[in-house]
Amino acid sequence: MTVAQSRQGRLPQRERRAVMRYGCPPATLVLVCLPGTERHLEGWACELSRAGMAVDLAEPLAVGSGIVVRMHSRNPHEVFLLAAKVVHATEQADGAWRVGCAFDEPLDLETMDALL
């Protein structure tokens, strides 16, 4: 079954998120590292919350996979390494994959401010 076929007939779901999401600035490049391997993927940060983030990647990641997202703050000399688990991977119309990640530890407000 294709992704498009699995979406047919679904009713819209209620918003289940418990925390506010924020759009990332345009062209926010991230590096997604896969611990235990030498693989890493470049992607674009789309949304950020204290609990997780959404990243557009060229390929899907398996749900439950542990990852580390490397993301620059607004200060170009400050880099954050954010440990997370993949909670979904959804194919987009342009062929990219929107990968939703839940952080292992919630971000504090200072980190949120630095990243947005």
PDB file of N, CA and C in Angstrom:
ATOM      1  N   MET A   1       0.849  -1.175   0.000  1.00  0.00           N
ATOM      2  CA  MET A   1       0.000   0.000   0.000  1.00  0.00           C
ATOM      3  C   MET A   1       0.892   1.235   0.000  1.00  0.00           C
ATOM      4  N   THR A   2       0.567   2.211  -0.838  1.00  0.00           N
ATOM      5  CA  THR A   2       1.341   3.443  -0.900  1.00  0.00           C
ATOM      6  C   THR A   2       0.910   4.383   0.221  1.00  0.00           C
ATOM      7  N   VAL A   3       1.737   5.409   0.460  1.00  0.00           N
ATOM      8  CA  VAL A   3       1.401   6.404   1.476  1.00  0.00           C
ATOM      9  C   VAL A   3       0.090   7.090   1.115  1.00  0.00           C
ATOM     10  N   ALA A   4      -0.077   7.444  -0.172  1.00  0.00           N
ATOM     11  CA  ALA A   4      -1.302   8.117  -0.607  1.00  0.00           C
ATOM     12  C   ALA A   4      -2.527   7.242  -0.353  1.00  0.00           C
ATOM     13  N   GLN A   5      -2.412   5.937  -0.622  1.00  0.00           N
ATOM     14  CA  GLN A   5      -3.535   5.043  -0.397  1.00  0.00           C
ATOM     15  C   GLN A   5      -3.876   4.934   1.086  1.00  0.00           C
ATOM     16  N   SER A   6      -2.863   4.952   1.936  1.00  0.00           N
ATOM     17  CA  SER A   6      -3.122   4.823   3.366  1.00  0.00           C
ATOM     18  C   SER A   6      -3.786   6.072   3.931  1.00  0.00           C
ATOM     19  N   ARG A   7      -3.636   7.210   3.266  1.00  0.00           N
ATOM     20  CA  ARG A   7      -4.255   8.451   3.733  1.00  0.00           C
ATOM     21  C   ARG A   7      -5.709   8.564   3.300  1.00  0.00           C
ATOM     22  N   GLN A   8      -6.089   7.831   2.243  1.00  0.00           N
ATOM     23  CA  GLN A   8      -7.455   7.926   1.750  1.00  0.00           C
ATOM     24  C   GLN A   8      -8.423   7.383   2.786  1.00  0.00           C
ATOM     25  N   GLY A   9      -9.523   8.091   2.960  1.00  0.00           N
ATOM     26  CA  GLY A   9     -10.547   7.620   3.870  1.00  0.00           C
ATOM     27  C   GLY A   9     -10.295   7.949   5.327  1.00  0.00           C
ATOM     28  N   ARG A  10      -9.174   8.603   5.637  1.00  0.00           N
ATOM     29  CA  ARG A  10      -8.905   8.981   7.016  1.00  0.00           C
ATOM     30  C   ARG A  10      -9.627  10.272   7.355  1.00  0.00           C
ATOM     31  N   LEU A  11     -10.172  10.323   8.548  1.00  0.00           N
ATOM     32  CA  LEU A  11     -10.763  11.565   9.023  1.00  0.00           C
ATOM     33  C   LEU A  11      -9.671  12.410   9.664  1.00  0.00           C
ATOM     34  N   PRO A  12      -9.794  13.743   9.604  1.00  0.00           N
ATOM     35  CA  PRO A  12      -8.797  14.590  10.260  1.00  0.00           C
ATOM     36  C   PRO A  12      -8.734  14.269  11.749  1.00  0.00           C
ATOM     37  N   GLN A  13      -7.506  14.234  12.278  1.00  0.00           N
ATOM     38  CA  GLN A  13      -7.332  13.931  13.695  1.00  0.00           C
ATOM     39  C   GLN A  13      -7.251  15.224  14.488  1.00  0.00           C
ATOM     40  N   ARG A  14      -7.677  15.147  15.760  1.00  0.00           N
ATOM     41  CA  ARG A  14      -7.529  16.277  16.662  1.00  0.00           C
ATOM     42  C   ARG A  14      -6.062  16.544  16.912  1.00  0.00           C
ATOM     43  N   GLU A  15      -5.740  17.775  17.219  1.00  0.00           N
ATOM     44  CA  GLU A  15      -4.370  18.146  17.589  1.00  0.00           C
ATOM     45  C   GLU A  15      -4.026  17.433  18.890  1.00  0.00           C
ATOM     46  N   ARG A  16      -2.943  16.645  18.873  1.00  0.00           N
ATOM     47  CA  ARG A  16      -2.570  15.863  20.052  1.00  0.00           C
ATOM     48  C   ARG A  16      -1.370  16.437  20.777  1.00  0.00           C
ATOM     49  N   ARG A  17      -0.744  17.435  20.226  1.00  0.00           N
ATOM     50  CA  ARG A  17       0.466  17.968  20.832  1.00  0.00           C
ATOM     51  C   ARG A  17       0.130  18.733  22.108  1.00  0.00           C
ATOM     52  N   ALA A  18       0.972  18.546  23.120  1.00  0.00           N
ATOM     53  CA  ALA A  18       0.749  19.199  24.404  1.00  0.00           C
ATOM     54  C   ALA A  18       1.553  20.484  24.545  1.00  0.00           C
ATOM     55  N   VAL A  19       2.459  20.757  23.611  1.00  0.00           N
ATOM     56  CA  VAL A  19       3.298  21.956  23.696  1.00  0.00           C
ATOM     57  C   VAL A  19       3.199  22.753  22.399  1.00  0.00           C
ATOM     58  N   MET A  20       3.454  24.036  22.506  1.00  0.00           N
ATOM     59  CA  MET A  20       3.384  24.948  21.367  1.00  0.00           C
ATOM     60  C   MET A  20       4.544  24.685  20.408  1.00  0.00           C
ATOM     61  N   ARG A  21       4.230  24.649  19.101  1.00  0.00           N
ATOM     62  CA  ARG A  21       5.252  24.491  18.063  1.00  0.00           C
ATOM     63  C   ARG A  21       5.528  25.841  17.434  1.00  0.00           C
ATOM     64  N   TYR A  22       6.777  26.037  16.999  1.00  0.00           N
ATOM     65  CA  TYR A  22       7.185  27.274  16.348  1.00  0.00           C
ATOM     66  C   TYR A  22       7.858  26.939  15.024  1.00  0.00           C
ATOM     67  N   GLY A  23       7.560  27.718  14.005  1.00  0.00           N
ATOM     68  CA  GLY A  23       8.228  27.538  12.721  1.00  0.00           C
ATOM     69  C   GLY A  23       9.673  27.970  12.820  1.00  0.00           C
ATOM     70  N   CYS A  24      10.570  27.204  12.237  1.00  0.00           N
ATOM     71  CA  CYS A  24      11.991  27.563  12.232  1.00  0.00           C
ATOM     72  C   CYS A  24      12.239  28.620  11.156  1.00  0.00           C
ATOM     73  N   PRO A  25      13.271  29.440  11.343  1.00  0.00           N
ATOM     74  CA  PRO A  25      13.602  30.412  10.302  1.00  0.00           C
ATOM     75  C   PRO A  25      13.865  29.703   8.976  1.00  0.00           C
ATOM     76  N   PRO A  26      13.598  30.383   7.849  1.00  0.00           N
ATOM     77  CA  PRO A  26      13.833  29.755   6.538  1.00  0.00           C
ATOM     78  C   PRO A  26      15.284  29.290   6.404  1.00  0.00           C
ATOM     79  N   ALA A  27      15.455  28.194   5.690  1.00  0.00           N
ATOM     80  CA  ALA A  27      16.780  27.637   5.399  1.00  0.00           C
ATOM     81  C   ALA A  27      17.577  27.328   6.664  1.00  0.00           C
ATOM     82  N   THR A  28      16.915  26.724   7.649  1.00  0.00           N
ATOM     83  CA  THR A  28      17.610  26.295   8.865  1.00  0.00           C
ATOM     84  C   THR A  28      18.140  24.884   8.630  1.00  0.00           C
ATOM     85  N   LEU A  29      19.420  24.807   8.303  1.00  0.00           N
ATOM     86  CA  LEU A  29      20.062  23.533   7.993  1.00  0.00           C
ATOM     87  C   LEU A  29      20.382  22.777   9.277  1.00  0.00           C
ATOM     88  N   VAL A  30      20.130  21.477   9.287  1.00  0.00           N
ATOM     89  CA  VAL A  30      20.483  20.618  10.415  1.00  0.00           C
ATOM     90  C   VAL A  30      21.229  19.403   9.881  1.00  0.00           C
ATOM     91  N   LEU A  31      21.976  18.779  10.765  1.00  0.00           N
ATOM     92  CA  LEU A  31      22.651  17.530  10.445  1.00  0.00           C
ATOM     93  C   LEU A  31      22.087  16.477  11.390  1.00  0.00           C
ATOM     94  N   VAL A  32      21.514  15.428  10.835  1.00  0.00           N
ATOM     95  CA  VAL A  32      20.944  14.343  11.637  1.00  0.00           C
ATOM     96  C   VAL A  32      21.956  13.211  11.666  1.00  0.00           C
ATOM     97  N   CYS A  33      22.457  12.919  12.863  1.00  0.00           N
ATOM     98  CA  CYS A  33      23.469  11.872  13.050  1.00  0.00           C
ATOM     99  C   CYS A  33      22.784  10.614  13.577  1.00  0.00           C
ATOM    100  N   LEU A  34      23.205   9.481  13.061  1.00  0.00           N
ATOM    101  CA  LEU A  34      22.656   8.200  13.484  1.00  0.00           C
ATOM    102  C   LEU A  34      23.696   7.512  14.364  1.00  0.00           C
ATOM    103  N   PRO A  35      23.530   7.582  15.697  1.00  0.00           N
ATOM    104  CA  PRO A  35      24.514   7.011  16.616  1.00  0.00           C
ATOM    105  C   PRO A  35      24.789   5.536  16.328  1.00  0.00           C
ATOM    106  N   GLY A  36      26.033   5.147  16.523  1.00  0.00           N
ATOM    107  CA  GLY A  36      26.431   3.765  16.272  1.00  0.00           C
ATOM    108  C   GLY A  36      26.788   3.516  14.824  1.00  0.00           C
ATOM    109  N   THR A  37      26.606   4.511  13.981  1.00  0.00           N
ATOM    110  CA  THR A  37      26.976   4.412  12.569  1.00  0.00           C
ATOM    111  C   THR A  37      27.771   5.664  12.213  1.00  0.00           C
ATOM    112  N   GLU A  38      28.316   5.672  11.042  1.00  0.00           N
ATOM    113  CA  GLU A  38      28.994   6.874  10.565  1.00  0.00           C
ATOM    114  C   GLU A  38      28.083   7.679   9.644  1.00  0.00           C
ATOM    115  N   ARG A  39      26.812   7.268   9.565  1.00  0.00           N
ATOM    116  CA  ARG A  39      25.854   7.953   8.687  1.00  0.00           C
ATOM    117  C   ARG A  39      25.361   9.249   9.305  1.00  0.00           C
ATOM    118  N   HIS A  40      25.181  10.223   8.462  1.00  0.00           N
ATOM    119  CA  HIS A  40      24.510  11.451   8.853  1.00  0.00           C
ATOM    120  C   HIS A  40      23.815  12.016   7.617  1.00  0.00           C
ATOM    121  N   LEU A  41      22.720  12.708   7.855  1.00  0.00           N
ATOM    122  CA  LEU A  41      21.908  13.254   6.777  1.00  0.00           C
ATOM    123  C   LEU A  41      21.723  14.750   6.982  1.00  0.00           C
ATOM    124  N   GLU A  42      21.859  15.507   5.896  1.00  0.00           N
ATOM    125  CA  GLU A  42      21.534  16.925   5.971  1.00  0.00           C
ATOM    126  C   GLU A  42      20.044  17.082   5.760  1.00  0.00           C
ATOM    127  N   GLY A  43      19.457  18.024   6.459  1.00  0.00           N
ATOM    128  CA  GLY A  43      18.033  18.273   6.322  1.00  0.00           C
ATOM    129  C   GLY A  43      17.701  19.701   6.684  1.00  0.00           C
ATOM    130  N   TRP A  44      16.427  20.003   6.632  1.00  0.00           N
ATOM    131  CA  TRP A  44      15.932  21.342   6.926  1.00  0.00           C
ATOM    132  C   TRP A  44      14.983  21.276   8.106  1.00  0.00           C
ATOM    133  N   ALA A  45      15.257  22.069   9.139  1.00  0.00           N
ATOM    134  CA  ALA A  45      14.355  22.148  10.284  1.00  0.00           C
ATOM    135  C   ALA A  45      13.103  22.905   9.874  1.00  0.00           C
ATOM    136  N   CYS A  46      11.946  22.367  10.214  1.00  0.00           N
ATOM    137  CA  CYS A  46      10.660  22.994   9.856  1.00  0.00           C
ATOM    138  C   CYS A  46       9.977  23.598  11.069  1.00  0.00           C
ATOM    139  N   GLU A  47       9.874  22.801  12.118  1.00  0.00           N
ATOM    140  CA  GLU A  47       9.181  23.225  13.337  1.00  0.00           C
ATOM    141  C   GLU A  47       9.980  22.785  14.548  1.00  0.00           C
ATOM    142  N   LEU A  48       9.837  23.572  15.617  1.00  0.00           N
ATOM    143  CA  LEU A  48      10.555  23.283  16.853  1.00  0.00           C
ATOM    144  C   LEU A  48       9.624  23.545  18.028  1.00  0.00           C
ATOM    145  N   SER A  49       9.682  22.663  19.007  1.00  0.00           N
ATOM    146  CA  SER A  49       8.969  22.876  20.269  1.00  0.00           C
ATOM    147  C   SER A  49       9.906  22.441  21.381  1.00  0.00           C
ATOM    148  N   ARG A  50       9.482  22.648  22.621  1.00  0.00           N
ATOM    149  CA  ARG A  50      10.315  22.205  23.735  1.00  0.00           C
ATOM    150  C   ARG A  50      10.424  20.682  23.751  1.00  0.00           C
ATOM    151  N   ALA A  51       9.439  19.982  23.181  1.00  0.00           N
ATOM    152  CA  ALA A  51       9.389  18.525  23.244  1.00  0.00           C
ATOM    153  C   ALA A  51       9.969  17.819  22.026  1.00  0.00           C
ATOM    154  N   GLY A  52      10.105  18.532  20.891  1.00  0.00           N
ATOM    155  CA  GLY A  52      10.596  17.861  19.690  1.00  0.00           C
ATOM    156  C   GLY A  52      10.687  18.796  18.510  1.00  0.00           C
ATOM    157  N   MET A  53      10.907  18.202  17.336  1.00  0.00           N
ATOM    158  CA  MET A  53      11.022  19.005  16.127  1.00  0.00           C
ATOM    159  C   MET A  53      10.642  18.191  14.905  1.00  0.00           C
ATOM    160  N   ALA A  54      10.386  18.903  13.810  1.00  0.00           N
ATOM    161  CA  ALA A  54      10.136  18.275  12.520  1.00  0.00           C
ATOM    162  C   ALA A  54      11.255  18.702  11.582  1.00  0.00           C
ATOM    163  N   VAL A  55      11.783  17.728  10.836  1.00  0.00           N
ATOM    164  CA  VAL A  55      12.897  17.950   9.916  1.00  0.00           C
ATOM    165  C   VAL A  55      12.535  17.338   8.566  1.00  0.00           C
ATOM    166  N   ASP A  56      12.833  18.043   7.493  1.00  0.00           N
ATOM    167  CA  ASP A  56      12.659  17.473   6.158  1.00  0.00           C
ATOM    168  C   ASP A  56      13.966  16.842   5.715  1.00  0.00           C
ATOM    169  N   LEU A  57      13.906  15.561   5.348  1.00  0.00           N
ATOM    170  CA  LEU A  57      15.079  14.790   4.920  1.00  0.00           C
ATOM    171  C   LEU A  57      14.809  14.173   3.556  1.00  0.00           C
ATOM    172  N   ALA A  58      15.872  13.726   2.902  1.00  0.00           N
ATOM    173  CA  ALA A  58      15.745  13.095   1.591  1.00  0.00           C
ATOM    174  C   ALA A  58      15.255  11.658   1.689  1.00  0.00           C
ATOM    175  N   GLU A  59      15.311  11.065   2.879  1.00  0.00           N
ATOM    176  CA  GLU A  59      14.882   9.673   3.058  1.00  0.00           C
ATOM    177  C   GLU A  59      14.242   9.518   4.425  1.00  0.00           C
ATOM    178  N   PRO A  60      13.399   8.501   4.583  1.00  0.00           N
ATOM    179  CA  PRO A  60      12.748   8.294   5.880  1.00  0.00           C
ATOM    180  C   PRO A  60      13.711   7.660   6.882  1.00  0.00           C
ATOM    181  N   LEU A  61      13.384   7.821   8.154  1.00  0.00           N
ATOM    182  CA  LEU A  61      14.089   7.128   9.228  1.00  0.00           C
ATOM    183  C   LEU A  61      13.078   6.238   9.938  1.00  0.00           C
ATOM    184  N   ALA A  62      13.538   5.130  10.471  1.00  0.00           N
ATOM    185  CA  ALA A  62      12.652   4.180  11.137  1.00  0.00           C
ATOM    186  C   ALA A  62      12.120   4.758  12.449  1.00  0.00           C
ATOM    187  N   VAL A  63      10.817   4.595  12.659  1.00  0.00           N
ATOM    188  CA  VAL A  63      10.206   5.030  13.910  1.00  0.00           C
ATOM    189  C   VAL A  63      10.894   4.312  15.068  1.00  0.00           C
ATOM    190  N   GLY A  64      11.213   5.059  16.110  1.00  0.00           N
ATOM    191  CA  GLY A  64      11.901   4.505  17.272  1.00  0.00           C
ATOM    192  C   GLY A  64      13.404   4.656  17.224  1.00  0.00           C
ATOM    193  N   SER A  65      13.945   5.040  16.059  1.00  0.00           N
ATOM    194  CA  SER A  65      15.396   5.213  15.929  1.00  0.00           C
ATOM    195  C   SER A  65      15.878   6.359  16.807  1.00  0.00           C
ATOM    196  N   GLY A  66      16.993   6.138  17.479  1.00  0.00           N
ATOM    197  CA  GLY A  66      17.647   7.212  18.222  1.00  0.00           C
ATOM    198  C   GLY A  66      18.511   8.025  17.274  1.00  0.00           C
ATOM    199  N   ILE A  67      18.438   9.347  17.374  1.00  0.00           N
ATOM    200  CA  ILE A  67      19.226  10.231  16.520  1.00  0.00           C
ATOM    201  C   ILE A  67      19.775  11.375  17.361  1.00  0.00           C
ATOM    202  N   VAL A  68      20.735  12.097  16.789  1.00  0.00           N
ATOM    203  CA  VAL A  68      21.223  13.337  17.369  1.00  0.00           C
ATOM    204  C   VAL A  68      21.132  14.389  16.274  1.00  0.00           C
ATOM    205  N   VAL A  69      20.426  15.477  16.571  1.00  0.00           N
ATOM    206  CA  VAL A  69      20.270  16.567  15.609  1.00  0.00           C
ATOM    207  C   VAL A  69      21.264  17.663  15.974  1.00  0.00           C
ATOM    208  N   ARG A  70      22.100  18.011  15.012  1.00  0.00           N
ATOM    209  CA  ARG A  70      23.084  19.094  15.192  1.00  0.00           C
ATOM    210  C   ARG A  70      22.501  20.341  14.540  1.00  0.00           C
ATOM    211  N   MET A  71      22.328  21.385  15.349  1.00  0.00           N
ATOM    212  CA  MET A  71      21.641  22.597  14.875  1.00  0.00           C
ATOM    213  C   MET A  71      22.350  23.831  15.401  1.00  0.00           C
ATOM    214  N   HIS A  72      22.625  24.780  14.506  1.00  0.00           N
ATOM    215  CA  HIS A  72      23.237  26.043  14.916  1.00  0.00           C
ATOM    216  C   HIS A  72      22.193  26.952  15.549  1.00  0.00           C
ATOM    217  N   SER A  73      22.641  27.734  16.505  1.00  0.00           N
ATOM    218  CA  SER A  73      21.759  28.745  17.091  1.00  0.00           C
ATOM    219  C   SER A  73      21.807  29.994  16.216  1.00  0.00           C
ATOM    220  N   ARG A  74      21.112  31.031  16.654  1.00  0.00           N
ATOM    221  CA  ARG A  74      21.177  32.294  15.919  1.00  0.00           C
ATOM    222  C   ARG A  74      22.583  32.873  15.970  1.00  0.00           C
ATOM    223  N   ASN A  75      23.338  32.514  17.010  1.00  0.00           N
ATOM    224  CA  ASN A  75      24.753  32.865  17.092  1.00  0.00           C
ATOM    225  C   ASN A  75      25.493  31.786  16.302  1.00  0.00           C
ATOM    226  N   PRO A  76      26.101  32.125  15.157  1.00  0.00           N
ATOM    227  CA  PRO A  76      26.670  31.093  14.281  1.00  0.00           C
ATOM    228  C   PRO A  76      27.799  30.273  14.914  1.00  0.00           C
ATOM    229  N   HIS A  77      28.328  30.727  16.043  1.00  0.00           N
ATOM    230  CA  HIS A  77      29.416  29.978  16.689  1.00  0.00           C
ATOM    231  C   HIS A  77      28.912  29.032  17.774  1.00  0.00           C
ATOM    232  N   GLU A  78      27.597  28.986  17.961  1.00  0.00           N
ATOM    233  CA  GLU A  78      27.009  28.132  18.984  1.00  0.00           C
ATOM    234  C   GLU A  78      26.225  27.004  18.308  1.00  0.00           C
ATOM    235  N   VAL A  79      26.562  25.764  18.662  1.00  0.00           N
ATOM    236  CA  VAL A  79      25.919  24.595  18.071  1.00  0.00           C
ATOM    237  C   VAL A  79      25.288  23.764  19.186  1.00  0.00           C
ATOM    238  N   PHE A  80      24.086  23.267  18.926  1.00  0.00           N
ATOM    239  CA  PHE A  80      23.407  22.398  19.878  1.00  0.00           C
ATOM    240  C   PHE A  80      23.337  20.991  19.321  1.00  0.00           C
ATOM    241  N   LEU A  81      23.556  20.007  20.187  1.00  0.00           N
ATOM    242  CA  LEU A  81      23.385  18.598  19.851  1.00  0.00           C
ATOM    243  C   LEU A  81      22.163  18.113  20.624  1.00  0.00           C
ATOM    244  N   LEU A  82      21.114  17.768  19.893  1.00  0.00           N
ATOM    245  CA  LEU A  82      19.821  17.438  20.498  1.00  0.00           C
ATOM    246  C   LEU A  82      19.508  15.959  20.295  1.00  0.00           C
ATOM    247  N   ALA A  83      19.550  15.191  21.374  1.00  0.00           N
ATOM    248  CA  ALA A  83      19.247  13.757  21.306  1.00  0.00           C
ATOM    249  C   ALA A  83      17.739  13.575  21.208  1.00  0.00           C
ATOM    250  N   ALA A  84      17.303  12.686  20.307  1.00  0.00           N
ATOM    251  CA  ALA A  84      15.868  12.503  20.070  1.00  0.00           C
ATOM    252  C   ALA A  84      15.579  11.096  19.572  1.00  0.00           C
ATOM    253  N   LYS A  85      14.291  10.778  19.519  1.00  0.00           N
ATOM    254  CA  LYS A  85      13.806   9.527  18.924  1.00  0.00           C
ATOM    255  C   LYS A  85      12.828   9.892  17.816  1.00  0.00           C
ATOM    256  N   VAL A  86      12.857   9.129  16.730  1.00  0.00           N
ATOM    257  CA  VAL A  86      11.949   9.353  15.606  1.00  0.00           C
ATOM    258  C   VAL A  86      10.563   8.843  15.988  1.00  0.00           C
ATOM    259  N   VAL A  87       9.539   9.700  15.797  1.00  0.00           N
ATOM    260  CA  VAL A  87       8.169   9.287  16.108  1.00  0.00           C
ATOM    261  C   VAL A  87       7.319   9.100  14.852  1.00  0.00           C
ATOM    262  N   HIS A  88       7.716   9.713  13.745  1.00  0.00           N
ATOM    263  CA  HIS A  88       7.020   9.460  12.482  1.00  0.00           C
ATOM    264  C   HIS A  88       7.889   9.909  11.320  1.00  0.00           C
ATOM    265  N   ALA A  89       7.620   9.358  10.150  1.00  0.00           N
ATOM    266  CA  ALA A  89       8.249   9.780   8.892  1.00  0.00           C
ATOM    267  C   ALA A  89       7.142   9.774   7.846  1.00  0.00           C
ATOM    268  N   THR A  90       6.851  10.947   7.298  1.00  0.00           N
ATOM    269  CA  THR A  90       5.733  11.109   6.380  1.00  0.00           C
ATOM    270  C   THR A  90       6.245  11.662   5.056  1.00  0.00           C
ATOM    271  N   GLU A  91       5.950  10.945   3.967  1.00  0.00           N
ATOM    272  CA  GLU A  91       6.384  11.410   2.658  1.00  0.00           C
ATOM    273  C   GLU A  91       5.619  12.668   2.272  1.00  0.00           C
ATOM    274  N   GLN A  92       6.338  13.652   1.729  1.00  0.00           N
ATOM    275  CA  GLN A  92       5.750  14.915   1.295  1.00  0.00           C
ATOM    276  C   GLN A  92       5.516  14.876  -0.213  1.00  0.00           C
ATOM    277  N   ALA A  93       4.726  15.803  -0.716  1.00  0.00           N
ATOM    278  CA  ALA A  93       4.386  15.841  -2.144  1.00  0.00           C
ATOM    279  C   ALA A  93       5.618  15.995  -3.023  1.00  0.00           C
ATOM    280  N   ASP A  94       6.655  16.674  -2.509  1.00  0.00           N
ATOM    281  CA  ASP A  94       7.868  16.902  -3.307  1.00  0.00           C
ATOM    282  C   ASP A  94       8.863  15.745  -3.226  1.00  0.00           C
ATOM    283  N   GLY A  95       8.495  14.659  -2.531  1.00  0.00           N
ATOM    284  CA  GLY A  95       9.373  13.492  -2.415  1.00  0.00           C
ATOM    285  C   GLY A  95      10.262  13.510  -1.180  1.00  0.00           C
ATOM    286  N   ALA A  96      10.318  14.636  -0.476  1.00  0.00           N
ATOM    287  CA  ALA A  96      11.071  14.697   0.782  1.00  0.00           C
ATOM    288  C   ALA A  96      10.285  13.963   1.864  1.00  0.00           C
ATOM    289  N   TRP A  97      10.932  13.726   2.990  1.00  0.00           N
ATOM    290  CA  TRP A  97      10.286  13.056   4.116  1.00  0.00           C
ATOM    291  C   TRP A  97      10.292  13.987   5.319  1.00  0.00           C
ATOM    292  N   ARG A  98       9.113  14.247   5.856  1.00  0.00           N
ATOM    293  CA  ARG A  98       8.988  15.022   7.098  1.00  0.00           C
ATOM    294  C   ARG A  98       9.141  14.034   8.243  1.00  0.00           C
ATOM    295  N   VAL A  99      10.213  14.199   9.014  1.00  0.00           N
ATOM    296  CA  VAL A  99      10.532  13.299  10.114  1.00  0.00           C
ATOM    297  C   VAL A  99      10.285  14.038  11.424  1.00  0.00           C
ATOM    298  N   GLY A 100       9.361  13.508  12.221  1.00  0.00           N
ATOM    299  CA  GLY A 100       9.061  14.089  13.528  1.00  0.00           C
ATOM    300  C   GLY A 100       9.872  13.387  14.592  1.00  0.00           C
ATOM    301  N   CYS A 101      10.450  14.183  15.469  1.00  0.00           N
ATOM    302  CA  CYS A 101      11.342  13.655  16.503  1.00  0.00           C
ATOM    303  C   CYS A 101      10.921  14.177  17.877  1.00  0.00           C
ATOM    304  N   ALA A 102      10.990  13.326  18.875  1.00  0.00           N
ATOM    305  CA  ALA A 102      10.739  13.712  20.263  1.00  0.00           C
ATOM    306  C   ALA A 102      12.079  13.763  20.979  1.00  0.00           C
ATOM    307  N   PHE A 103      12.384  14.902  21.605  1.00  0.00           N
ATOM    308  CA  PHE A 103      13.650  15.037  22.320  1.00  0.00           C
ATOM    309  C   PHE A 103      13.688  14.135  23.541  1.00  0.00           C
ATOM    310  N   ASP A 104      14.884  13.628  23.852  1.00  0.00           N
ATOM    311  CA  ASP A 104      15.054  12.809  25.054  1.00  0.00           C
ATOM    312  C   ASP A 104      14.783  13.632  26.316  1.00  0.00           C
ATOM    313  N   GLU A 105      15.160  14.909  26.288  1.00  0.00           N
ATOM    314  CA  GLU A 105      14.925  15.848  27.389  1.00  0.00           C
ATOM    315  C   GLU A 105      14.311  17.105  26.809  1.00  0.00           C
ATOM    316  N   PRO A 106      13.279  17.675  27.427  1.00  0.00           N
ATOM    317  CA  PRO A 106      12.683  18.902  26.884  1.00  0.00           C
ATOM    318  C   PRO A 106      13.712  20.041  26.854  1.00  0.00           C
ATOM    319  N   LEU A 107      13.585  20.899  25.852  1.00  0.00           N
ATOM    320  CA  LEU A 107      14.468  22.057  25.755  1.00  0.00           C
ATOM    321  C   LEU A 107      14.043  23.107  26.775  1.00  0.00           C
ATOM    322  N   ASP A 108      15.024  23.804  27.354  1.00  0.00           N
ATOM    323  CA  ASP A 108      14.681  24.905  28.242  1.00  0.00           C
ATOM    324  C   ASP A 108      14.396  26.147  27.396  1.00  0.00           C
ATOM    325  N   LEU A 109      13.829  27.149  28.018  1.00  0.00           N
ATOM    326  CA  LEU A 109      13.430  28.353  27.287  1.00  0.00           C
ATOM    327  C   LEU A 109      14.613  29.095  26.689  1.00  0.00           C
ATOM    328  N   GLU A 110      15.759  29.075  27.350  1.00  0.00           N
ATOM    329  CA  GLU A 110      16.954  29.740  26.818  1.00  0.00           C
ATOM    330  C   GLU A 110      17.416  29.071  25.521  1.00  0.00           C
ATOM    331  N   THR A 111      17.372  27.753  25.476  1.00  0.00           N
ATOM    332  CA  THR A 111      17.760  27.030  24.256  1.00  0.00           C
ATOM    333  C   THR A 111      16.767  27.320  23.145  1.00  0.00           C
ATOM    334  N   MET A 112      15.490  27.316  23.462  1.00  0.00           N
ATOM    335  CA  MET A 112      14.471  27.643  22.456  1.00  0.00           C
ATOM    336  C   MET A 112      14.728  29.019  21.867  1.00  0.00           C
ATOM    337  N   ASP A 113      14.989  29.979  22.727  1.00  0.00           N
ATOM    338  CA  ASP A 113      15.244  31.344  22.273  1.00  0.00           C
ATOM    339  C   ASP A 113      16.477  31.405  21.381  1.00  0.00           C
ATOM    340  N   ALA A 114      17.517  30.665  21.727  1.00  0.00           N
ATOM    341  CA  ALA A 114      18.753  30.663  20.937  1.00  0.00           C
ATOM    342  C   ALA A 114      18.524  30.041  19.553  1.00  0.00           C
ATOM    343  N   LEU A 115      17.660  29.038  19.463  1.00  0.00           N
ATOM    344  CA  LEU A 115      17.433  28.341  18.203  1.00  0.00           C
ATOM    345  C   LEU A 115      16.433  29.036  17.295  1.00  0.00           C
ATOM    346  N   LEU A 116      15.544  29.825  17.884  1.00  0.00           N
ATOM    347  CA  LEU A 116      14.530  30.504  17.078  1.00  0.00           C
ATOM    348  C   LEU A 116      14.914  31.946  16.903  1.00  0.00           C
TER     349      LEU A 116
END
